Protein backbone atom coordinates (compact mmCIF):
# COMPACT_ATOMS: atom_id res chain seq x y z
CA MET A 1 11.92 -1.79 -26.74
CA THR A 2 10.17 -3.87 -29.81
CA TRP A 3 8.90 -6.61 -26.62
CA PHE A 4 6.96 -3.19 -25.47
CA VAL A 5 5.32 -2.54 -28.78
CA GLY A 6 4.86 -6.33 -29.79
CA TRP A 7 3.08 -6.26 -26.50
CA PHE A 8 0.62 -3.88 -27.47
CA ALA A 9 0.55 -5.08 -31.25
CA THR A 10 -1.05 -8.50 -30.06
CA ILE A 11 -3.36 -6.33 -27.79
CA ASN A 12 -6.27 -9.22 -26.46
CA LEU A 13 -9.41 -8.75 -23.91
CA TRP A 14 -7.24 -9.74 -21.32
CA LYS A 15 -4.25 -7.38 -21.57
CA ILE A 16 -7.29 -4.68 -21.54
CA VAL A 17 -8.10 -6.08 -18.25
CA GLY A 18 -4.90 -6.20 -17.08
CA LEU A 19 -4.33 -2.45 -18.02
CA GLY A 20 -7.98 -1.23 -16.77
CA GLY A 21 -6.80 -2.75 -13.43
CA GLN A 22 -3.76 -0.79 -13.38
CA LEU A 23 -5.38 2.31 -14.57
CA VAL A 24 -8.18 2.29 -11.95
CA PHE A 25 -5.60 1.29 -9.75
CA GLY A 26 -3.37 4.30 -10.06
CA SER A 27 -6.89 6.68 -10.33
CA ARG A 28 -6.70 6.32 -6.56
CA PHE A 29 -3.87 8.35 -6.17
CA PHE A 30 -5.61 11.31 -7.72
CA VAL A 31 -8.68 10.97 -5.82
CA GLN A 32 -6.86 11.34 -2.70
CA TRP A 33 -4.63 14.13 -3.70
CA PHE A 34 -7.97 16.26 -4.85
CA VAL A 35 -9.50 15.64 -1.39
CA SER A 36 -6.60 16.29 0.37
CA GLU A 37 -6.37 19.59 -1.84
CA ARG A 38 -9.78 20.92 -1.35
CA GLN A 39 -9.80 20.00 2.56
CA GLY A 40 -6.24 21.45 2.82
CA ARG A 41 -4.70 18.50 4.74
CA SER A 42 -3.83 14.97 4.04
CA VAL A 43 -6.69 13.02 3.79
CA ILE A 44 -7.34 9.34 2.36
CA PRO A 45 -11.06 9.40 1.56
CA VAL A 46 -13.22 5.78 1.73
CA ALA A 47 -13.21 6.38 -2.30
CA PHE A 48 -9.63 5.63 -2.46
CA TRP A 49 -10.04 2.13 -0.54
CA TYR A 50 -12.90 1.28 -2.59
CA ILE A 51 -10.46 1.77 -5.99
CA SER A 52 -7.54 0.44 -4.43
CA LEU A 53 -9.90 -2.49 -3.94
CA PHE A 54 -11.57 -2.40 -7.68
CA GLY A 55 -8.41 -2.13 -9.01
CA SER A 56 -6.42 -4.42 -7.24
CA LEU A 57 -9.37 -6.85 -8.16
CA LEU A 58 -9.17 -6.52 -12.18
CA THR A 59 -5.60 -6.73 -11.67
CA LEU A 60 -5.56 -9.90 -9.26
CA VAL A 61 -8.08 -11.53 -12.36
CA TYR A 62 -5.52 -10.93 -15.14
CA ALA A 63 -2.73 -11.99 -13.06
CA PHE A 64 -4.28 -15.27 -12.75
CA TYR A 65 -4.62 -15.40 -16.42
CA ILE A 66 -1.18 -14.70 -17.06
CA GLN A 67 -0.45 -17.25 -14.26
CA GLU A 68 2.12 -15.22 -12.54
CA PRO A 69 2.32 -16.51 -8.72
CA VAL A 70 4.32 -13.13 -7.49
CA PHE A 71 1.53 -10.68 -9.10
CA ILE A 72 -1.15 -12.84 -7.59
CA ILE A 73 0.27 -12.67 -3.93
CA SER A 74 0.65 -9.04 -3.85
CA GLN A 75 -2.47 -8.13 -5.12
CA LEU A 76 -4.19 -11.02 -2.56
CA GLY A 77 -1.98 -9.16 -0.02
CA GLY A 78 -3.26 -5.60 -0.94
CA MET A 79 -6.87 -6.54 -0.82
CA VAL A 80 -6.93 -7.94 2.66
CA VAL A 81 -5.63 -3.92 3.31
CA TYR A 82 -8.12 -2.58 1.83
CA SER A 83 -10.68 -4.83 2.80
CA ARG A 84 -9.86 -4.10 6.16
CA ASN A 85 -9.80 -0.40 5.85
CA LEU A 86 -13.11 -0.30 4.54
CA TYR A 87 -14.34 -2.68 7.58
CA LEU A 88 -12.51 -0.38 9.70
CA ILE A 89 -14.14 2.47 8.45
CA ARG A 90 -17.53 0.84 8.03
CA ARG A 91 -17.52 -0.28 11.86
CA GLU A 92 -16.18 3.30 13.06
CA LYS A 93 -19.58 4.45 11.34
CA LYS A 94 -21.78 2.06 12.78
CA ALA A 95 -20.42 2.95 16.34
CA ALA A 96 -21.17 6.71 15.82
CA GLN A 97 -24.50 6.02 14.61
CA GLU A 98 -25.38 4.10 17.50
CA ALA A 99 -24.02 6.56 20.04
CA PRO A 100 -26.40 8.18 22.23
CA ALA A 101 -26.29 12.07 21.52
CA ALA A 102 -24.59 14.15 24.11
């Protein structure tokens, strides 16, 4: 357990970026839970994907700094999924706006 205490004893800006990324990334679950509770059904709001992307980006920056390939690969993979979901949502909204009124 001393390594854990030692890690925090040597905190620096990069560690703050890494921790911040994980906090942002983890907060997306609370957003999803809150929206689902308000609607009374399981919902994944658009904010979930933006938070995922931003948290993943911060974590990726930290992973590059610490030169951790496993971390880098996992964050890049997630960012592809989050970006794709945002693209699909944007495409769907655009199509709905362009559809003739029924």
